[in-house]
Amino acid sequence: MQQLVRPFNLGGPALAINRLPPGRRTRTTAQTMSRPPAKAAAGPRTAYLVLGMHRSGTSAVTQLLALAGADLPKNVMPGDEHNAKGYFEPWKIAIFNDERLRAAGSAWDDPFAYPYRPLPEAEEQAWLDRAIALFDEEFPKAAWPLMKDPRATVLLPMWRRVLDARGVGARCVIPVRHPLAVAGSLRRRDGFADEKSVLVWSAYMLAAEAYTRDLPRAFVGYDALLADWRAEVARIEAAHGAPLPKLTARSAKEIDGFLTPELRHNAVSDGLKGLGWAGEIAADVFAWFEAKAAGKSPKIALLDGAAARLAERARDMGALISSTTRDLAAVRAELMEARARLEVAQAFETEARASIARLEDGWRAAQSLLDGIDAELDAALAEE
């Protein structure tokens, strides 16, 4: 009954830009639509991984990549009141990732979910085997698997082993959104304090950067994506050293239709420093990612310093906070499962009542027919 659950390499040369005519370098193939689609290789496969924090624009980036030819999973999480246009997450993998995080004493909203927590070898292998089976189920024949589940960001060491086991390469896209905008969304949806939200954001973004240093990766500003997605596509292709699989005039029109201003829900101001040490860590992490998304080359020491301060706080309070988030996540999972079972039970009850009503209607119709026959017989006998 899980169907009813609602959760809740080095970058290559700038091939995409170098193909454009002189004097028009800011245009992309998304505008000219003059290139043939990338061929789906019969042998090697390449996955697009959308990494980063929840509520950071990962859904928008995933829909763009899907329309540009990447292959969504078979079982995609639908939209809800918090994201009407859809999440584009493989909900079975999302549930699995929640379970894996809890197994290591963590949860998706744990500020100290980074760095990755390996389990004892036998347990780790069992989880890896399950992850491989899920990947095969969701992307059985996909040439360009498109995987977006923010939880996979902090579990990326495991998921990279899955890709290696299946001989699948990876290209990463990391949306960058102001942590206070993310905090505003999580405050409205989950009731989180801003201090917690910006810490969780920091952990996810540190993981996204640290675990992809040897992979082709593109950093995409969320506001820049909404303002001019074609320019961001050019930057993605340049960072990957390869075109998107299939970006056509028709798909570009669809992208124009969904990347609309109402996706920018939370205006932000520079208030991170007012959140104490949590805000200070997030401010340094955001400064690095903001610069990277703008095409600059910020010093990695800025992130290393933020990661060190987060690790220090984890040593001080991580055991308490991580276990608490794990326990709360377990309670949420039990409640969602109970809700799903209740929905199924109510559906069965409704169907049973409808069936009984149909039987009663049929019985009354049959009884009426029999009464009519009896009346006709009585009348016939009376005439005799």
Protein backbone atom coordinates (compact mmCIF):
# COMPACT_ATOMS: atom_id res chain seq x y z
CA MET A 1 0.00 0.00 0.00
CA GLN A 2 3.02 2.26 -0.31
CA GLN A 3 1.46 3.78 -3.41
CA LEU A 4 -0.67 5.91 -1.14
CA VAL A 5 2.25 7.34 0.83
CA ARG A 6 2.98 11.00 0.19
CA PRO A 7 6.32 11.94 1.75
CA PHE A 8 6.39 13.73 2.47
CA ASN A 9 34.76 13.41 -13.24
CA LEU A 10 36.13 16.71 -14.25
CA GLY A 11 34.05 19.12 -16.27
CA GLY A 12 34.73 18.87 -19.98
CA PRO A 13 35.32 21.62 -22.52
CA ALA A 14 32.60 24.10 -23.31
CA LEU A 15 31.37 22.21 -26.34
CA ALA A 16 27.84 23.57 -26.22
CA ILE A 17 29.04 27.17 -26.28
CA ASN A 18 31.79 26.62 -28.83
CA ARG A 19 29.28 25.35 -31.38
CA LEU A 20 27.53 28.71 -31.49
CA PRO A 21 28.32 31.31 -34.17
CA PRO A 22 30.75 34.14 -33.29
CA GLY A 23 29.07 37.10 -31.63
CA ARG A 24 26.14 35.00 -30.36
CA ARG A 25 27.81 33.06 -27.57
CA THR A 26 24.97 33.52 -25.09
CA ARG A 27 22.50 31.62 -27.23
CA THR A 28 22.11 27.91 -26.77
CA THR A 29 20.90 25.05 -28.84
CA ALA A 30 17.68 25.41 -26.87
CA GLN A 31 17.08 28.58 -28.90
CA THR A 32 18.43 27.56 -32.28
CA MET A 33 17.23 23.93 -32.10
CA SER A 34 19.58 23.18 -34.98
CA ARG A 35 21.44 20.21 -33.54
CA PRO A 36 20.39 16.58 -33.87
CA PRO A 37 19.45 14.79 -30.64
CA ALA A 38 22.28 13.09 -28.79
CA LYS A 39 22.40 9.42 -29.66
CA ALA A 40 21.36 6.96 -26.99
CA ALA A 41 24.39 4.72 -26.80
CA ALA A 42 23.69 1.02 -27.12
CA GLY A 43 26.47 0.30 -24.64
CA PRO A 44 27.42 2.80 -21.91
CA ARG A 45 24.64 4.64 -20.14
CA THR A 46 24.87 8.02 -18.42
CA ALA A 47 22.73 9.11 -15.50
CA TYR A 48 21.74 12.68 -14.74
CA LEU A 49 21.85 13.23 -10.97
CA VAL A 50 20.00 16.25 -9.58
CA LEU A 51 21.59 16.89 -6.20
CA GLY A 52 21.07 19.36 -3.39
CA MET A 53 18.65 20.34 -0.69
CA HIS A 54 14.88 19.85 -0.58
CA ARG A 55 12.92 22.93 -1.75
CA SER A 56 15.96 24.24 -3.66
CA GLY A 57 14.64 23.98 -7.19
CA THR A 58 15.51 20.33 -7.73
CA SER A 59 12.03 19.60 -9.11
CA ALA A 60 12.25 22.42 -11.66
CA VAL A 61 15.69 21.27 -12.82
CA THR A 62 14.49 17.67 -13.06
CA GLN A 63 11.49 18.59 -15.21
CA LEU A 64 13.76 20.61 -17.50
CA LEU A 65 16.15 17.67 -17.91
CA ALA A 66 13.24 15.28 -18.50
CA LEU A 67 11.85 17.49 -21.25
CA ALA A 68 15.37 17.70 -22.69
CA GLY A 69 15.52 13.93 -23.14
CA ALA A 70 16.62 12.39 -19.85
CA ASP A 71 14.59 9.40 -18.64
CA LEU A 72 12.37 9.75 -15.58
CA PRO A 73 11.91 6.71 -13.30
CA LYS A 74 8.92 4.40 -13.71
CA ASN A 75 7.33 5.43 -10.40
CA VAL A 76 7.27 9.20 -9.93
CA MET A 77 5.96 10.98 -6.86
CA PRO A 78 2.94 13.15 -7.77
CA GLY A 79 2.48 16.78 -6.90
CA ASP A 80 0.61 18.03 -3.86
CA GLU A 81 -0.37 21.32 -2.24
CA HIS A 82 3.30 22.10 -1.58
CA ASN A 83 4.46 21.45 -5.17
CA ALA A 84 1.56 21.39 -7.60
CA LYS A 85 3.76 20.86 -10.66
CA GLY A 86 5.18 17.64 -9.25
CA TYR A 87 8.27 16.40 -7.44
CA PHE A 88 9.60 14.04 -10.17
CA GLU A 89 11.11 11.85 -7.45
CA PRO A 90 11.22 8.04 -7.62
CA TRP A 91 9.02 7.53 -4.59
CA LYS A 92 10.15 3.95 -4.02
CA ILE A 93 13.76 5.11 -3.92
CA ALA A 94 12.79 8.02 -1.65
CA ILE A 95 11.20 5.61 0.84
CA PHE A 96 14.26 3.35 0.60
CA ASN A 97 16.58 6.30 1.23
CA ASP A 98 14.58 7.31 4.30
CA GLU A 99 14.98 3.77 5.64
CA ARG A 100 18.72 3.76 4.92
CA LEU A 101 19.20 7.06 6.72
CA ARG A 102 17.32 5.77 9.77
CA ALA A 103 19.41 2.59 9.75
CA ALA A 104 22.47 4.76 10.35
CA GLY A 105 20.77 6.80 13.08
CA SER A 106 19.89 9.75 10.89
CA ALA A 107 17.01 11.20 8.84
CA TRP A 108 16.44 13.44 5.85
CA ASP A 109 16.16 16.52 8.09
CA ASP A 110 19.21 15.72 10.21
CA PRO A 111 21.63 18.70 10.20
CA PHE A 112 24.46 16.22 10.68
CA ALA A 113 23.54 13.74 7.91
CA TYR A 114 26.84 14.74 6.26
CA PRO A 115 29.30 13.08 6.11
CA TYR A 116 28.03 9.70 4.95
CA ARG A 117 27.65 7.05 7.65
CA PRO A 118 28.67 3.59 6.42
CA LEU A 119 27.22 0.55 8.15
CA PRO A 120 29.04 -2.69 9.01
CA GLU A 121 30.17 -4.41 5.82
CA ALA A 122 27.47 -7.09 5.66
CA GLU A 123 24.70 -4.58 6.34
CA GLU A 124 26.15 -2.10 3.86
CA GLN A 125 26.22 -4.78 1.17
CA ALA A 126 22.61 -5.72 1.87
CA TRP A 127 21.52 -2.10 1.44
CA LEU A 128 23.62 -1.82 -1.70
CA ASP A 129 21.97 -4.91 -3.18
CA ARG A 130 18.54 -3.42 -2.49
CA ALA A 131 19.57 -0.12 -4.05
CA ILE A 132 20.81 -1.88 -7.21
CA ALA A 133 17.53 -3.80 -7.49
CA LEU A 134 15.56 -0.55 -7.12
CA PHE A 135 17.67 1.19 -9.75
CA ASP A 136 17.06 -1.72 -12.15
CA GLU A 137 13.32 -1.54 -11.44
CA GLU A 138 13.06 2.21 -11.96
CA PHE A 139 15.39 2.51 -14.97
CA PRO A 140 15.31 -0.91 -16.69
CA LYS A 141 16.21 0.27 -20.21
CA ALA A 142 16.92 3.98 -19.74
CA ALA A 143 19.88 5.28 -21.72
CA TRP A 144 19.84 8.53 -19.72
CA PRO A 145 18.48 7.71 -16.24
CA LEU A 146 17.31 10.85 -14.44
CA MET A 147 17.41 10.50 -10.69
CA LYS A 148 16.26 13.19 -8.32
CA ASP A 149 15.83 12.52 -4.65
CA PRO A 150 17.49 15.04 -2.34
CA ARG A 151 18.17 12.26 0.16
CA ALA A 152 20.46 10.65 -2.41
CA THR A 153 22.74 13.67 -1.98
CA VAL A 154 23.82 12.67 1.52
CA LEU A 155 23.76 8.99 0.47
CA LEU A 156 25.73 9.56 -2.72
CA PRO A 157 28.69 7.31 -1.80
CA MET A 158 26.26 4.37 -1.84
CA TRP A 159 24.46 5.46 -5.01
CA ARG A 160 27.73 5.94 -6.84
CA ARG A 161 28.50 2.28 -6.06
CA VAL A 162 25.11 1.43 -7.60
CA LEU A 163 26.03 3.27 -10.80
CA ASP A 164 29.45 1.62 -10.87
CA ALA A 165 27.85 -1.80 -10.45
CA ARG A 166 25.70 -1.18 -13.51
CA GLY A 167 28.40 0.53 -15.56
CA VAL A 168 26.45 3.81 -15.63
CA GLY A 169 28.29 7.12 -15.85
CA ALA A 170 27.09 10.28 -14.12
CA ARG A 171 26.54 13.95 -14.87
CA CYS A 172 25.48 16.10 -11.95
CA VAL A 173 23.32 19.21 -11.76
CA ILE A 174 23.28 21.08 -8.45
CA PRO A 175 20.64 23.83 -8.05
CA VAL A 176 21.69 26.72 -5.82
CA ARG A 177 18.99 28.57 -3.91
CA HIS A 178 19.36 31.01 -1.02
CA PRO A 179 19.12 29.05 2.25
CA LEU A 180 16.64 31.55 3.70
CA ALA A 181 14.30 30.89 0.76
CA VAL A 182 14.58 27.19 1.51
CA ALA A 183 13.98 27.90 5.21
CA GLY A 184 10.83 29.86 4.39
CA SER A 185 9.47 26.95 2.40
CA LEU A 186 10.29 24.42 5.13
CA ARG A 187 8.80 26.68 7.80
CA ARG A 188 5.54 26.76 5.89
CA ARG A 189 5.50 23.07 5.02
CA ASP A 190 7.07 21.39 8.05
CA GLY A 191 7.16 24.04 10.77
CA PHE A 192 10.96 23.97 10.99
CA ALA A 193 12.88 26.74 12.72
CA ASP A 194 15.07 28.72 10.32
CA GLU A 195 18.20 27.76 12.24
CA LYS A 196 17.50 24.08 11.66
CA SER A 197 16.63 24.57 7.99
CA VAL A 198 19.79 26.46 7.08
CA LEU A 199 21.89 23.83 8.86
CA VAL A 200 20.23 21.00 6.96
CA TRP A 201 20.70 23.01 3.77
CA SER A 202 24.38 23.40 4.58
CA ALA A 203 24.82 19.67 5.16
CA TYR A 204 23.17 18.78 1.84
CA MET A 205 25.15 21.34 -0.13
CA LEU A 206 28.45 20.29 1.44
CA ALA A 207 27.64 16.69 0.52
CA ALA A 208 26.67 17.65 -3.04
CA GLU A 209 30.03 19.35 -3.56
CA ALA A 210 32.28 16.89 -1.73
CA TYR A 211 30.89 13.75 -3.35
CA THR A 212 31.02 15.03 -6.95
CA ARG A 213 34.48 16.56 -7.25
CA ASP A 214 35.57 13.90 -9.76
CA LEU A 215 32.35 14.01 -11.83
CA PRO A 216 31.06 16.37 -14.54
CA ARG A 217 28.88 18.80 -12.62
CA ALA A 218 27.02 22.04 -13.17
CA PHE A 219 25.96 24.56 -10.53
CA VAL A 220 22.68 26.25 -11.47
CA GLY A 221 21.35 29.35 -9.77
CA TYR A 222 17.64 28.88 -9.10
CA ASP A 223 16.76 32.52 -9.73
CA ALA A 224 18.95 32.52 -12.85
CA LEU A 225 17.13 29.41 -14.08
CA LEU A 226 13.76 31.15 -13.79
CA ALA A 227 15.10 34.30 -15.43
CA ASP A 228 16.84 32.67 -18.42
CA TRP A 229 16.83 28.90 -18.50
CA ARG A 230 18.46 28.82 -21.94
CA ALA A 231 21.60 30.47 -20.58
CA GLU A 232 21.66 27.98 -17.71
CA VAL A 233 21.28 25.07 -20.14
CA ALA A 234 24.30 26.38 -22.03
CA ARG A 235 26.26 26.38 -18.77
CA ILE A 236 25.09 22.84 -17.94
CA GLU A 237 26.17 21.55 -21.34
CA ALA A 238 29.51 23.35 -21.08
CA ALA A 239 30.18 21.93 -17.61
CA HIS A 240 29.26 18.41 -18.74
CA GLY A 241 31.17 18.70 -21.99
CA ALA A 242 28.15 17.23 -23.76
CA PRO A 243 24.73 18.33 -25.05
CA LEU A 244 21.52 17.39 -23.32
CA PRO A 245 20.07 14.24 -24.87
CA LYS A 246 17.16 15.71 -26.82
CA LEU A 247 16.30 19.39 -26.57
CA THR A 248 13.83 20.33 -29.30
CA ALA A 249 11.71 23.34 -30.20
CA ARG A 250 8.67 21.57 -28.79
CA SER A 251 10.36 20.72 -25.48
CA ALA A 252 11.72 24.28 -25.24
CA LYS A 253 8.17 25.60 -25.53
CA GLU A 254 7.08 23.26 -22.73
CA ILE A 255 9.96 24.43 -20.56
CA ASP A 256 8.90 28.04 -21.20
CA GLY A 257 5.46 27.05 -19.96
CA PHE A 258 6.47 25.60 -16.61
CA LEU A 259 9.45 27.76 -15.60
CA THR A 260 7.25 30.67 -14.61
CA PRO A 261 7.72 33.42 -11.98
CA GLU A 262 5.29 31.86 -9.50
CA LEU A 263 7.91 29.18 -8.81
CA ARG A 264 9.80 31.86 -6.87
CA HIS A 265 7.82 31.61 -3.64
CA ASN A 266 10.10 33.15 -1.04
CA ALA A 267 11.79 36.53 -1.25
CA VAL A 268 14.89 36.69 0.95
CA SER A 269 17.06 39.29 2.58
CA ASP A 270 20.59 38.98 3.90
CA GLY A 271 19.62 37.77 7.36
CA LEU A 272 21.76 34.66 7.80
CA LYS A 273 24.12 36.26 10.31
CA GLY A 274 21.10 36.84 12.57
CA LEU A 275 20.69 33.08 12.96
CA GLY A 276 23.81 32.68 15.07
CA TRP A 277 26.42 30.02 14.35
CA ALA A 278 24.00 28.09 12.13
CA GLY A 279 23.54 31.14 9.94
CA GLU A 280 27.28 31.84 9.86
CA ILE A 281 27.99 28.35 8.54
CA ALA A 282 25.22 28.66 5.95
CA ALA A 283 26.47 32.10 4.89
CA ASP A 284 29.92 30.73 4.03
CA VAL A 285 28.47 27.73 2.21
CA PHE A 286 26.10 29.94 0.23
CA ALA A 287 28.87 32.41 -0.65
CA TRP A 288 30.85 29.58 -2.22
CA PHE A 289 27.92 28.13 -4.15
CA GLU A 290 26.63 31.52 -5.25
CA ALA A 291 30.04 32.33 -6.71
CA LYS A 292 30.29 28.92 -8.36
CA ALA A 293 26.85 29.28 -9.95
CA ALA A 294 27.96 32.67 -11.30
CA GLY A 295 30.89 31.05 -13.08
CA LYS A 296 33.55 32.15 -10.61
CA SER A 297 36.23 30.04 -8.92
CA PRO A 298 35.80 30.42 -5.15
CA LYS A 299 38.43 28.88 -2.88
CA ILE A 300 37.52 25.46 -1.55
CA ALA A 301 38.94 26.53 1.82
CA LEU A 302 35.69 28.43 2.43
CA LEU A 303 33.71 25.18 2.26
CA ASP A 304 36.30 23.23 4.19
CA GLY A 305 36.09 25.73 7.02
CA ALA A 306 32.29 25.51 7.10
CA ALA A 307 32.46 21.70 7.06
CA ALA A 308 34.92 21.73 9.95
CA ARG A 309 32.64 23.97 12.04
CA LEU A 310 29.65 21.74 11.26
CA ALA A 311 31.69 18.67 12.30
CA GLU A 312 32.62 20.40 15.55
CA ARG A 313 28.97 21.03 16.35
CA ALA A 314 28.19 17.43 15.43
CA ARG A 315 30.73 16.25 18.00
CA ASP A 316 29.08 18.45 20.61
CA MET A 317 25.43 17.64 19.98
CA GLY A 318 25.15 15.29 17.01
CA ALA A 319 24.30 12.15 18.98
CA LEU A 320 21.30 13.84 20.54
CA ILE A 321 20.02 15.68 17.48
CA SER A 322 20.57 12.84 14.99
CA SER A 323 18.84 10.29 17.18
CA THR A 324 15.93 12.65 17.74
CA THR A 325 15.46 13.32 14.03
CA ARG A 326 15.72 9.57 13.36
CA ASP A 327 13.05 8.78 15.96
CA LEU A 328 10.75 11.50 14.64
CA ALA A 329 11.28 10.24 11.09
CA ALA A 330 10.36 6.73 12.22
CA VAL A 331 7.16 8.04 13.84
CA ARG A 332 6.30 9.98 10.67
CA ALA A 333 6.83 6.85 8.58
CA GLU A 334 4.58 4.82 10.89
CA LEU A 335 1.90 7.50 10.76
CA MET A 336 2.02 7.63 6.97
CA GLU A 337 1.80 3.86 6.77
CA ALA A 338 -1.13 3.85 9.20
CA ARG A 339 -2.79 6.60 7.16
CA ALA A 340 -2.26 4.62 3.97
CA ARG A 341 -3.78 1.51 5.57
CA LEU A 342 -6.71 3.57 6.82
CA GLU A 343 -7.26 4.97 3.33
CA VAL A 344 -7.25 1.43 1.92
CA ALA A 345 -9.63 0.22 4.63
CA GLN A 346 -11.96 3.14 3.95
CA ALA A 347 -11.82 2.42 0.24
CA PHE A 348 -12.74 -1.23 0.88
CA GLU A 349 -15.55 -0.15 3.19
CA THR A 350 -16.91 2.25 0.58
CA GLU A 351 -16.76 -0.45 -2.11
CA ALA A 352 -18.37 -3.00 0.23
CA ARG A 353 -21.22 -0.62 1.02
CA ALA A 354 -21.68 0.09 -2.67
CA SER A 355 -21.74 -3.66 -3.40
CA ILE A 356 -24.30 -4.25 -0.65
CA ALA A 357 -26.40 -1.39 -1.99
CA ARG A 358 -26.27 -2.90 -5.49
CA LEU A 359 -27.27 -6.30 -4.10
CA GLU A 360 -30.12 -4.74 -2.15
CA ASP A 361 -31.31 -2.88 -5.26
CA GLY A 362 -31.14 -6.14 -7.19
CA TRP A 363 -33.02 -7.98 -4.46
CA ARG A 364 -35.73 -5.32 -4.40
CA ALA A 365 -36.05 -5.43 -8.18
CA ALA A 366 -36.28 -9.24 -8.10
CA GLN A 367 -38.83 -9.11 -5.29
CA SER A 368 -40.86 -6.57 -7.23
CA LEU A 369 -40.76 -8.83 -10.28
CA LEU A 370 -41.85 -11.83 -8.21
CA ASP A 371 -44.66 -9.81 -6.64
CA GLY A 372 -45.85 -8.86 -10.13
CA ILE A 373 -45.81 -12.46 -11.25
CA ASP A 374 -47.72 -13.54 -8.15
CA ALA A 375 -50.31 -10.85 -8.80
CA GLU A 376 -50.75 -11.99 -12.39
CA LEU A 377 -51.13 -15.61 -11.26
CA ASP A 378 -53.69 -14.62 -8.64
CA ALA A 379 -55.64 -12.68 -11.24
CA ALA A 380 -55.56 -15.59 -13.70
CA LEU A 381 -56.76 -18.04 -11.05
CA ALA A 382 -59.56 -15.71 -10.04
CA GLU A 383 -60.82 -15.59 -13.63
CA GLU A 384 -61.02 -19.38 -13.70
